Amino acid sequence: MKELFLFVRPPRPLWPFNGPTTAFWPPLAFASLAAALRENVRDLRVEILDAPALEMGWRTLEAELRRRQPAYVGLGEEAVSCVEGLRLARLARDGGACVIAGGCFFGHVAREALGTGLIDVVVHGEGELTIVELVEALRSGQRSDLTRVAGITFADGEQIISTPPRALLPDLDRLPMPAYDLLPVARYGRGSRNHPDFAAIESSRGCVGACDFCVLWRQMGRHVGERTVPCLRAKSPERLREEIRRLTRDFGRRYLGWVDPCFNAHREAPAQLAELLLRDGVHVGQSAWVRADGIVRDAQSGALATCIRAGLNEVYLGVERPDADSLRALNKTTSVDDTRRAFEILARDFPAVFTFGSFIYGLPGDTPKTIREIYRLSLELEMDKAFFIPLTPLPGTPFWRPELWDATGQGFRRFDFLPSSIPGHGALDRTLLWSFALDWCPARFRSYVRGFRCTDARKRRMTWRILNRATWFSAVALGRRLIAPGRNGGMVVPSWYET
């Protein structure tokens, strides 16, 4: 029988603001890597096991690994799920598999991850070409062949070897279509009213910005000497139209989540795609992270209206801070004025679009007064929902410190982007939570009225649902501060986690 390469997403907790039907996005990176392997290594079986989508707990996953006997196990976790990634690696190694890790987290802690003895190779950056060359090198049985694979780190005895970075793919259209057929596609968004029959899709890689707190642009940035710089590359509208055709026609998908760090960073591609979809008579719901200055630009050109007619109905804007100085400190290249104007345009001209704004707190010098200013700005801007993220020292960012590494993974449970998680933010967290509970200024009432009175039924549902979840989360977080002040992390462990 052919050797098996098995990509695995292990059981993991849920982010508390997501419902169980849309808690886990399809692992698009696995589908793209699997397609590259399947196309180029014909005598290799390739499968994907997405345990959270299947509500598969650890006992069942362990039995599946014993049954399938993979020769290679691929994993890629976020920082908050490091403990699950290492637990999976231990099970895979116990079963005799070669463990290959990648992604935005393991790629930036390669030496530390290899030091656990649980991982054999770490892949950096884009992996489609690397994974093919890596498997061929591993199958040759010659350790020296690994040194000729660009973009990896591996252990050779006591020595840790990192090969030169791999050049970025110049043409994303040459990638094979993601192996959607290897995913439990019907499980994503099943039963959801706001994101029904959900699929993840990318239109571009990289970004035009270089925000210090973000690891996404670094994951697919261009290497210049010892530095990584932003590099935006987009798929052609024609290629994207074909991907959407497959998702909607062959897999019955009705909602698309764009995974791009910034969907409208490219000036022309989103609107060109939307025009093709409208020409084909395709209207499919879509959500995306967008730049505020791109919203203003595209509103003037008409591109924004075209995208919304094609189905874009949920957008996320990174506001981050209320003043220019702290935005510069984060290397953020959009201004508060850009953001204010973008939300005004969306609220006035496209009221059915649900708008989110993200804010970051916990910078050096932040005080409770700073938090109150951030919270008031979130109410003044004409957005539907704000969420507040403590500055998190992710590996790969300037805020990471080597002493934060925890070989058990447990320390990374705090990296969940939720208030009450990062040590040293206690006074800031309390101010934020009490502001949500007590600050009922007129602007806040107006924001709820906009949502509840909107003629769009989806927006009304989302307004109620998010208000209910935010209220629940704040009440629980405040209660923990009173009852169990030492507890960290706000992720929700599902009932099936260990089953």
Protein backbone atom coordinates (compact mmCIF):
# COMPACT_ATOMS: atom_id res chain seq x y z
CA MET A 1 0.00 0.00 0.00
CA LYS A 2 1.16 3.56 -0.73
CA GLU A 3 2.59 5.63 2.09
CA LEU A 4 0.12 8.08 3.67
CA PHE A 5 0.71 11.76 4.28
CA LEU A 6 -1.97 12.85 6.76
CA PHE A 7 -2.64 16.50 7.54
CA VAL A 8 -4.31 16.75 10.95
CA ARG A 9 -6.09 19.52 12.78
CA PRO A 10 -6.48 18.15 16.31
CA PRO A 11 -9.31 18.79 18.78
CA ARG A 12 -9.14 22.28 20.23
CA PRO A 13 -11.18 24.75 22.29
CA LEU A 14 -13.63 27.20 20.73
CA TRP A 15 -13.30 30.98 20.64
CA PRO A 16 -16.23 32.13 22.81
CA PHE A 17 -17.73 34.54 20.26
CA ASN A 18 -18.18 31.82 17.62
CA GLY A 19 -21.12 29.47 17.47
CA PRO A 20 -20.50 25.72 17.19
CA THR A 21 -21.58 25.67 13.53
CA THR A 22 -18.95 28.20 12.42
CA ALA A 23 -16.33 27.84 15.15
CA PHE A 24 -13.80 26.22 12.82
CA TRP A 25 -12.98 27.52 9.38
CA PRO A 26 -11.92 24.96 6.79
CA PRO A 27 -8.11 24.52 6.97
CA LEU A 28 -7.43 26.02 3.55
CA ALA A 29 -3.66 25.72 3.93
CA PHE A 30 -3.98 21.95 4.34
CA ALA A 31 -6.19 21.75 1.24
CA SER A 32 -3.65 23.69 -0.81
CA LEU A 33 -0.66 21.69 0.46
CA ALA A 34 -2.52 18.42 -0.06
CA ALA A 35 -3.31 19.40 -3.65
CA ALA A 36 0.37 20.12 -4.34
CA LEU A 37 1.41 16.74 -2.93
CA ARG A 38 -1.31 14.85 -4.77
CA GLU A 39 -0.40 16.44 -8.08
CA ASN A 40 3.38 16.02 -7.81
CA VAL A 41 3.97 12.85 -5.75
CA ARG A 42 1.71 10.33 -7.46
CA ASP A 43 2.74 7.29 -5.42
CA LEU A 44 1.74 8.95 -2.14
CA ARG A 45 -1.71 8.85 -0.54
CA VAL A 46 -2.79 12.22 0.85
CA GLU A 47 -5.60 12.77 3.36
CA ILE A 48 -6.84 15.50 5.71
CA LEU A 49 -8.32 14.78 9.14
CA ASP A 50 -10.11 17.83 10.55
CA ALA A 51 -11.05 16.65 14.03
CA PRO A 52 -12.85 19.83 15.24
CA ALA A 53 -15.11 19.93 12.19
CA LEU A 54 -16.03 16.29 12.87
CA GLU A 55 -16.38 16.90 16.62
CA MET A 56 -13.76 14.21 17.05
CA GLY A 57 -12.12 14.08 20.46
CA TRP A 58 -8.66 12.91 21.42
CA ARG A 59 -9.53 9.27 22.10
CA THR A 60 -11.08 8.87 18.66
CA LEU A 61 -8.22 10.74 17.02
CA GLU A 62 -5.70 8.44 18.64
CA ALA A 63 -7.63 5.42 17.34
CA GLU A 64 -7.73 6.96 13.85
CA LEU A 65 -3.97 7.46 13.83
CA ARG A 66 -3.45 3.82 14.82
CA ARG A 67 -5.86 2.69 12.10
CA ARG A 68 -4.46 4.83 9.28
CA GLN A 69 -0.77 4.41 10.17
CA PRO A 70 0.47 7.57 8.39
CA ALA A 71 4.10 7.75 7.36
CA TYR A 72 3.97 11.55 7.63
CA VAL A 73 1.78 13.80 9.77
CA GLY A 74 1.49 17.50 8.90
CA LEU A 75 0.31 20.00 11.48
CA GLY A 76 0.08 23.76 11.77
CA GLU A 77 -1.35 25.44 14.82
CA GLU A 78 -1.91 28.96 16.10
CA ALA A 79 -0.09 29.98 19.27
CA VAL A 80 -3.16 29.43 21.45
CA SER A 81 -3.38 25.82 20.24
CA CYS A 82 0.30 24.98 20.68
CA VAL A 83 -0.57 22.51 23.42
CA GLU A 84 -2.81 20.59 21.00
CA GLY A 85 -0.15 20.68 18.28
CA LEU A 86 2.48 19.17 20.59
CA ARG A 87 0.01 16.58 21.88
CA LEU A 88 -0.72 15.53 18.29
CA ALA A 89 3.00 15.40 17.51
CA ARG A 90 3.57 13.05 20.45
CA LEU A 91 0.82 10.70 19.28
CA ALA A 92 2.14 10.75 15.72
CA ARG A 93 5.72 10.06 16.79
CA ASP A 94 4.57 7.23 19.05
CA GLY A 95 2.96 5.71 15.95
CA GLY A 96 6.18 5.96 13.96
CA ALA A 97 5.24 8.91 11.76
CA CYS A 98 7.55 11.69 10.64
CA VAL A 99 6.09 14.95 12.02
CA ILE A 100 6.20 18.08 9.86
CA ALA A 101 5.03 21.40 11.31
CA GLY A 102 4.46 24.75 9.65
CA GLY A 103 2.36 27.87 9.73
CA CYS A 104 2.54 31.28 11.40
CA PHE A 105 3.37 29.85 14.85
CA PHE A 106 5.76 26.93 14.45
CA GLY A 107 7.58 28.71 11.64
CA HIS A 108 8.76 31.35 14.12
CA VAL A 109 9.70 28.97 16.96
CA ALA A 110 11.33 26.27 14.85
CA ARG A 111 14.36 25.72 17.06
CA GLU A 112 12.30 25.58 20.21
CA ALA A 113 9.76 23.22 18.63
CA LEU A 114 12.49 20.89 17.39
CA GLY A 115 13.99 20.97 20.86
CA THR A 116 10.92 19.18 22.24
CA GLY A 117 11.94 16.07 20.29
CA LEU A 118 8.38 15.76 19.00
CA ILE A 119 8.79 17.44 15.59
CA ASP A 120 11.11 16.36 12.79
CA VAL A 121 10.97 19.26 10.34
CA VAL A 122 9.55 22.80 10.39
CA VAL A 123 8.46 24.41 7.12
CA HIS A 124 8.71 28.20 6.82
CA GLY A 125 6.46 30.47 4.78
CA GLU A 126 4.60 29.19 1.72
CA GLY A 127 4.70 25.43 1.67
CA GLU A 128 3.35 24.14 -1.64
CA LEU A 129 6.74 23.73 -3.32
CA THR A 130 8.58 23.01 -0.10
CA ILE A 131 6.34 20.14 0.99
CA VAL A 132 6.83 18.32 -2.31
CA GLU A 133 10.61 18.62 -2.23
CA LEU A 134 10.65 17.77 1.48
CA VAL A 135 8.74 14.50 1.06
CA GLU A 136 10.99 13.47 -1.82
CA ALA A 137 14.07 14.24 0.30
CA LEU A 138 12.72 12.31 3.28
CA ARG A 139 11.87 9.31 1.11
CA SER A 140 15.37 9.20 -0.32
CA GLY A 141 16.68 8.23 3.11
CA GLN A 142 19.68 10.54 2.66
CA ARG A 143 19.84 13.13 5.41
CA SER A 144 22.01 15.31 3.22
CA ASP A 145 19.11 15.72 0.76
CA LEU A 146 17.27 17.81 3.35
CA THR A 147 19.91 20.52 3.12
CA ARG A 148 18.94 21.07 -0.52
CA VAL A 149 15.27 21.83 0.38
CA ALA A 150 14.85 25.59 0.75
CA GLY A 151 12.69 26.99 3.55
CA ILE A 152 12.97 24.35 6.29
CA THR A 153 14.59 23.82 9.68
CA PHE A 154 15.48 20.37 10.99
CA ALA A 155 17.67 18.67 13.55
CA ASP A 156 20.72 16.69 12.52
CA GLY A 157 21.90 15.08 15.73
CA GLU A 158 22.66 17.93 18.13
CA GLN A 159 22.80 20.47 15.32
CA ILE A 160 19.81 22.56 14.18
CA ILE A 161 20.02 23.35 10.46
CA SER A 162 18.00 26.08 8.72
CA THR A 163 18.17 26.13 4.94
CA PRO A 164 17.97 29.40 2.94
CA PRO A 165 14.50 30.96 2.62
CA ARG A 166 12.43 29.86 -0.34
CA ALA A 167 11.55 32.48 -2.94
CA LEU A 168 7.89 33.42 -3.09
CA LEU A 169 5.66 31.95 -5.75
CA PRO A 170 5.51 34.59 -8.50
CA ASP A 171 2.19 33.41 -9.99
CA LEU A 172 -0.51 32.15 -7.64
CA ASP A 173 -2.61 31.01 -10.60
CA ARG A 174 -0.17 28.16 -11.11
CA LEU A 175 -1.16 26.60 -7.79
CA PRO A 176 -3.41 23.55 -8.11
CA MET A 177 -6.98 23.97 -6.99
CA PRO A 178 -7.23 23.31 -3.24
CA ALA A 179 -8.19 19.71 -2.44
CA TYR A 180 -11.63 20.59 -1.11
CA ASP A 181 -12.69 16.98 -1.68
CA LEU A 182 -10.37 15.87 1.14
CA LEU A 183 -12.21 18.06 3.66
CA PRO A 184 -15.53 17.28 5.39
CA VAL A 185 -17.00 20.16 3.39
CA ALA A 186 -20.61 19.57 4.41
CA ARG A 187 -19.74 20.14 8.07
CA TYR A 188 -18.64 23.76 7.72
CA GLY A 189 -21.45 26.18 8.46
CA ARG A 190 -24.03 23.41 8.57
CA GLY A 191 -27.14 24.80 10.23
CA SER A 192 -25.74 28.33 10.51
CA ARG A 193 -28.11 31.13 9.58
CA ASN A 194 -25.52 33.90 9.24
CA HIS A 195 -22.71 31.90 7.57
CA PRO A 196 -24.50 28.96 5.95
CA ASP A 197 -22.54 26.26 4.10
CA PHE A 198 -19.29 28.04 4.77
CA ALA A 199 -16.01 27.89 2.82
CA ALA A 200 -12.62 29.56 3.23
CA ILE A 201 -10.95 31.04 0.17
CA GLU A 202 -7.97 33.29 -0.59
CA SER A 203 -7.70 35.92 -3.28
CA SER A 204 -4.18 37.06 -2.43
CA ARG A 205 -1.17 36.42 -0.25
CA GLY A 206 0.84 38.95 1.69
CA CYS A 207 -0.06 42.56 2.34
CA VAL A 208 0.92 46.15 1.59
CA GLY A 209 1.27 46.99 5.29
CA ALA A 210 3.75 45.85 7.90
CA CYS A 211 1.90 46.23 11.19
CA ASP A 212 4.19 45.22 14.05
CA PHE A 213 1.54 43.10 15.81
CA CYS A 214 0.69 41.00 12.74
CA VAL A 215 2.32 37.72 11.73
CA LEU A 216 0.28 37.14 8.58
CA TRP A 217 2.23 39.46 6.29
CA ARG A 218 5.46 37.96 7.63
CA GLN A 219 4.29 34.44 6.82
CA MET A 220 4.12 35.30 3.13
CA GLY A 221 6.53 38.22 2.95
CA ARG A 222 9.65 38.57 0.81
CA HIS A 223 13.08 38.01 2.29
CA VAL A 224 15.61 40.79 1.73
CA GLY A 225 18.81 39.85 3.48
CA GLU A 226 17.92 39.25 7.12
CA ARG A 227 14.64 41.16 6.86
CA THR A 228 11.15 40.20 5.76
CA VAL A 229 9.24 42.87 3.84
CA PRO A 230 5.59 42.95 2.73
CA CYS A 231 4.83 41.52 -0.68
CA LEU A 232 1.29 41.40 -2.09
CA ARG A 233 0.44 38.90 -4.82
CA ALA A 234 -3.08 38.31 -6.09
CA LYS A 235 -4.76 35.52 -8.01
CA SER A 236 -6.38 36.55 -11.26
CA PRO A 237 -10.13 37.20 -11.21
CA GLU A 238 -10.58 34.36 -13.73
CA ARG A 239 -8.82 31.87 -11.47
CA LEU A 240 -10.92 33.00 -8.49
CA ARG A 241 -14.11 32.71 -10.50
CA GLU A 242 -13.24 29.07 -11.19
CA GLU A 243 -12.56 28.39 -7.50
CA ILE A 244 -15.91 29.93 -6.57
CA ARG A 245 -17.66 27.93 -9.28
CA ARG A 246 -16.28 24.72 -7.79
CA LEU A 247 -17.21 25.71 -4.25
CA THR A 248 -20.76 26.76 -5.11
CA ARG A 249 -21.54 24.26 -7.87
CA ASP A 250 -19.68 21.12 -6.80
CA PHE A 251 -19.73 21.54 -3.02
CA GLY A 252 -22.89 23.57 -2.43
CA ARG A 253 -21.13 26.40 -0.59
CA ARG A 254 -23.22 29.50 0.04
CA TYR A 255 -20.89 31.69 2.10
CA LEU A 256 -17.22 32.58 1.52
CA GLY A 257 -14.77 33.76 4.15
CA TRP A 258 -11.82 35.50 2.52
CA VAL A 259 -8.69 34.58 4.50
CA ASP A 260 -6.51 37.33 3.02
CA PRO A 261 -4.76 39.55 5.57
CA CYS A 262 -6.35 42.41 3.61
CA PHE A 263 -8.92 41.67 0.91
CA ASN A 264 -8.95 45.13 -0.69
CA ALA A 265 -5.19 45.77 -0.57
CA HIS A 266 -5.11 45.10 -4.33
CA ARG A 267 -6.71 48.01 -6.15
CA GLU A 268 -8.40 46.16 -8.99
CA ALA A 269 -8.77 42.45 -8.30
CA PRO A 270 -11.78 42.39 -5.89
CA ALA A 271 -13.98 44.52 -8.13
CA GLN A 272 -12.90 42.65 -11.28
CA LEU A 273 -13.87 39.38 -9.62
CA ALA A 274 -17.19 40.83 -8.46
CA GLU A 275 -17.97 41.92 -12.01
CA LEU A 276 -17.32 38.40 -13.28
CA LEU A 277 -19.59 36.92 -10.62
CA LEU A 278 -22.38 39.37 -11.41
CA ARG A 279 -21.99 38.60 -15.12
CA ASP A 280 -22.38 34.89 -14.26
CA GLY A 281 -25.43 35.59 -12.11
CA VAL A 282 -23.60 34.47 -8.95
CA HIS A 283 -24.43 36.14 -5.64
CA VAL A 284 -22.69 34.54 -2.68
CA GLY A 285 -22.30 35.92 0.85
CA GLN A 286 -18.77 37.01 1.75
CA SER A 287 -16.78 38.31 4.71
CA ALA A 288 -13.33 39.92 4.61
CA TRP A 289 -10.73 41.97 6.46
CA VAL A 290 -10.30 45.29 4.64
CA ARG A 291 -8.24 48.48 4.82
CA ALA A 292 -10.13 51.65 5.73
CA ASP A 293 -8.36 53.76 3.10
CA GLY A 294 -9.23 51.05 0.56
CA ILE A 295 -12.91 51.39 1.48
CA VAL A 296 -12.76 55.17 0.88
CA ARG A 297 -10.90 54.65 -2.42
CA ASP A 298 -13.28 51.96 -3.66
CA ALA A 299 -16.37 53.93 -2.64
CA GLN A 300 -15.23 56.78 -4.91
CA SER A 301 -14.51 54.49 -7.86
CA GLY A 302 -17.65 52.36 -7.50
CA ALA A 303 -15.64 49.21 -6.82
CA LEU A 304 -17.06 48.89 -3.29
CA ALA A 305 -20.64 48.93 -4.54
CA THR A 306 -19.77 46.25 -7.10
CA CYS A 307 -18.27 43.97 -4.43
CA ILE A 308 -21.31 44.41 -2.20
CA ARG A 309 -23.71 43.65 -5.05
CA ALA A 310 -21.81 40.40 -5.58
CA GLY A 311 -22.35 39.40 -1.93
CA LEU A 312 -19.81 41.11 0.37
CA ASN A 313 -21.90 41.65 3.50
CA GLU A 314 -19.47 41.50 6.43
CA VAL A 315 -16.25 43.51 6.79
CA TYR A 316 -13.59 43.83 9.47
CA LEU A 317 -11.50 46.97 9.82
CA GLY A 318 -8.43 47.32 12.01
CA VAL A 319 -8.87 50.62 13.87
CA GLU A 320 -6.42 49.67 16.63
CA ARG A 321 -5.82 53.01 18.39
CA PRO A 322 -7.43 56.45 18.94
CA ASP A 323 -4.32 58.58 18.22
CA ALA A 324 -1.70 58.99 15.51
CA ASP A 325 1.29 58.49 17.81
CA SER A 326 0.34 55.00 18.96
CA LEU A 327 -0.66 54.03 15.42
CA ARG A 328 2.84 54.99 14.30
CA ALA A 329 4.28 53.03 17.22
CA LEU A 330 2.57 49.93 15.78
CA ASN A 331 3.69 50.77 12.24
CA LYS A 332 0.02 51.07 11.25
CA THR A 333 -0.42 52.91 7.95
CA THR A 334 -4.11 53.81 8.06
CA SER A 335 -5.27 56.80 10.09
CA VAL A 336 -8.20 57.39 12.43
CA ASP A 337 -9.61 59.81 9.85
CA ASP A 338 -9.48 57.05 7.19
CA THR A 339 -11.30 54.70 9.52
CA ARG A 340 -13.92 57.26 10.53
CA ARG A 341 -14.67 58.03 6.90
CA ALA A 342 -14.85 54.33 5.96
CA PHE A 343 -17.40 53.53 8.67
CA GLU A 344 -19.45 56.61 7.71
CA ILE A 345 -19.58 55.42 4.09
CA LEU A 346 -20.58 51.89 5.03
CA ALA A 347 -23.27 53.02 7.51
CA ARG A 348 -24.74 55.59 5.15
CA ASP A 349 -24.52 53.90 1.74
CA PHE A 350 -24.45 50.18 2.60
CA PRO A 351 -26.41 49.76 5.86
CA ALA A 352 -26.97 46.01 5.32
CA VAL A 353 -23.22 45.32 5.56
CA PHE A 354 -22.26 44.23 9.08
CA THR A 355 -19.15 46.11 10.18
CA PHE A 356 -16.57 45.16 12.81
CA GLY A 357 -13.73 47.22 14.19
CA SER A 358 -10.74 45.85 16.07
CA PHE A 359 -8.77 47.71 18.74
CA ILE A 360 -5.45 46.90 20.42
CA TYR A 361 -4.57 47.82 23.98
CA GLY A 362 -1.68 47.11 26.32
CA LEU A 363 1.00 49.22 24.68
CA PRO A 364 3.69 50.63 26.99
CA GLY A 365 2.22 53.62 28.79
CA ASP A 366 -1.41 52.53 28.42
CA THR A 367 -3.53 53.41 31.46
CA PRO A 368 -7.20 52.99 32.36
CA LYS A 369 -7.72 56.44 30.85
CA THR A 370 -6.35 55.14 27.53
CA ILE A 371 -8.81 52.25 27.65
CA ARG A 372 -11.71 54.61 28.22
CA GLU A 373 -10.59 56.69 25.22
CA ILE A 374 -10.38 53.57 23.05
CA TYR A 375 -13.79 52.40 24.20
CA ARG A 376 -15.40 55.80 23.54
CA LEU A 377 -13.90 55.87 20.04
CA SER A 378 -15.42 52.45 19.37
CA LEU A 379 -18.83 53.93 20.19
CA GLU A 380 -18.33 57.12 18.19
CA LEU A 381 -17.35 55.32 14.99
CA GLU A 382 -20.39 54.08 13.09
CA MET A 383 -19.56 50.39 13.35
CA ASP A 384 -21.84 47.54 14.36
CA LYS A 385 -19.48 45.72 16.70
CA ALA A 386 -16.08 46.39 18.25
CA PHE A 387 -13.72 43.84 19.71
CA PHE A 388 -10.70 44.58 21.84
CA ILE A 389 -7.46 42.62 21.63
CA PRO A 390 -4.67 42.77 24.21
CA LEU A 391 -1.28 43.32 22.59
CA THR A 392 -0.05 39.75 22.29
CA PRO A 393 3.68 38.93 21.99
CA LEU A 394 3.33 36.49 19.12
CA PRO A 395 6.49 34.75 17.86
CA GLY A 396 7.76 36.59 14.81
CA THR A 397 6.68 40.02 16.06
CA PRO A 398 8.92 42.53 17.86
CA PHE A 399 7.01 41.83 21.07
CA TRP A 400 8.11 38.19 21.32
CA ARG A 401 10.75 37.27 23.90
CA PRO A 402 12.53 33.89 23.91
CA GLU A 403 11.80 33.38 27.61
CA LEU A 404 8.08 33.19 26.75
CA TRP A 405 8.60 29.79 25.12
CA ASP A 406 6.83 26.99 27.00
CA ALA A 407 7.70 23.46 25.87
CA THR A 408 4.38 22.17 27.27
CA GLY A 409 2.39 24.65 25.20
CA GLN A 410 0.24 25.56 28.20
CA GLY A 411 1.66 29.06 28.46
CA PHE A 412 0.29 29.89 25.03
CA ARG A 413 -3.28 29.42 26.24
CA ARG A 414 -3.05 33.12 27.13
CA PHE A 415 -2.51 33.99 23.48
CA ASP A 416 -6.25 33.86 22.72
CA PHE A 417 -6.67 37.59 21.88
CA LEU A 418 -9.26 37.92 24.65
CA PRO A 419 -9.35 40.39 27.56
CA SER A 420 -8.16 39.00 30.90
CA SER A 421 -5.52 36.82 29.25
CA ILE A 422 -2.19 38.65 29.13
CA PRO A 423 -0.36 39.06 32.48
CA GLY A 424 0.15 42.65 33.59
CA HIS A 425 -3.01 43.94 31.92
CA GLY A 426 -5.24 43.54 34.97
CA ALA A 427 -6.20 47.19 35.46
CA LEU A 428 -6.70 47.66 31.71
CA ASP A 429 -8.88 44.55 31.45
CA ARG A 430 -11.02 45.64 34.39
CA THR A 431 -11.54 49.08 32.90
CA LEU A 432 -12.54 47.60 29.56
CA LEU A 433 -14.99 45.10 31.06
CA TRP A 434 -16.59 47.66 33.35
CA SER A 435 -16.85 50.12 30.45
CA PHE A 436 -18.88 47.56 28.52
CA ALA A 437 -21.08 46.95 31.55
CA LEU A 438 -21.65 50.56 32.63
CA ASP A 439 -20.91 53.00 29.79
CA TRP A 440 -24.28 53.47 28.09
CA CYS A 441 -23.78 56.79 26.32
CA PRO A 442 -26.12 57.97 23.51
CA ALA A 443 -23.71 56.81 20.80
CA ARG A 444 -23.98 53.25 22.12
CA PHE A 445 -27.77 53.30 22.02
CA ARG A 446 -27.65 54.67 18.47
CA SER A 447 -25.39 51.81 17.35
CA TYR A 448 -27.84 49.20 18.64
CA VAL A 449 -30.80 51.03 17.11
CA ARG A 450 -29.04 50.97 13.71
CA GLY A 451 -28.64 47.22 13.96
CA PHE A 452 -32.07 46.36 15.34
CA ARG A 453 -33.96 48.60 12.89
CA CYS A 454 -32.01 47.56 9.81
CA THR A 455 -34.21 46.21 7.04
CA ASP A 456 -31.74 43.36 6.50
CA ALA A 457 -32.78 40.32 8.56
CA ARG A 458 -29.23 38.95 8.71
CA LYS A 459 -27.92 42.13 10.26
CA ARG A 460 -30.69 42.18 12.86
CA ARG A 461 -29.91 38.57 13.83
CA MET A 462 -26.20 39.25 14.08
CA THR A 463 -26.77 42.33 16.23
CA TRP A 464 -28.78 40.34 18.77
CA ARG A 465 -26.45 37.36 18.75
CA ILE A 466 -23.25 39.32 19.18
CA LEU A 467 -24.75 41.51 21.90
CA ASN A 468 -25.83 38.39 23.79
CA ARG A 469 -22.40 36.76 23.47
CA ALA A 470 -20.50 39.91 24.40
CA THR A 471 -22.70 40.35 27.47
CA TRP A 472 -22.16 36.73 28.49
CA PHE A 473 -18.41 36.93 27.96
CA SER A 474 -18.06 40.17 29.95
CA ALA A 475 -20.14 38.82 32.82
CA VAL A 476 -18.09 35.62 32.96
CA ALA A 477 -14.80 37.53 32.73
CA LEU A 478 -15.79 39.90 35.54
CA GLY A 479 -16.95 36.95 37.63
CA ARG A 480 -13.64 35.18 37.15
CA ARG A 481 -11.80 38.26 38.35
CA LEU A 482 -13.81 38.13 41.55
CA ILE A 483 -13.91 34.35 42.06
CA ALA A 484 -10.80 32.97 40.35
CA PRO A 485 -8.44 35.87 39.62
CA GLY A 486 -5.55 33.57 38.71
CA ARG A 487 -7.33 31.75 35.92
CA ASN A 488 -6.06 32.46 32.42
CA GLY A 489 -7.57 32.10 28.99
CA GLY A 490 -11.13 32.43 27.81
CA MET A 491 -11.45 29.62 25.29
CA VAL A 492 -14.38 27.22 25.65
CA VAL A 493 -13.56 23.51 25.84
CA PRO A 494 -16.30 21.60 23.94
CA SER A 495 -17.94 18.52 25.46
CA TRP A 496 -16.44 16.24 22.79
CA TYR A 497 -12.83 17.42 23.35
CA GLU A 498 -11.54 14.23 25.05
CA THR A 499 -14.02 11.74 23.62
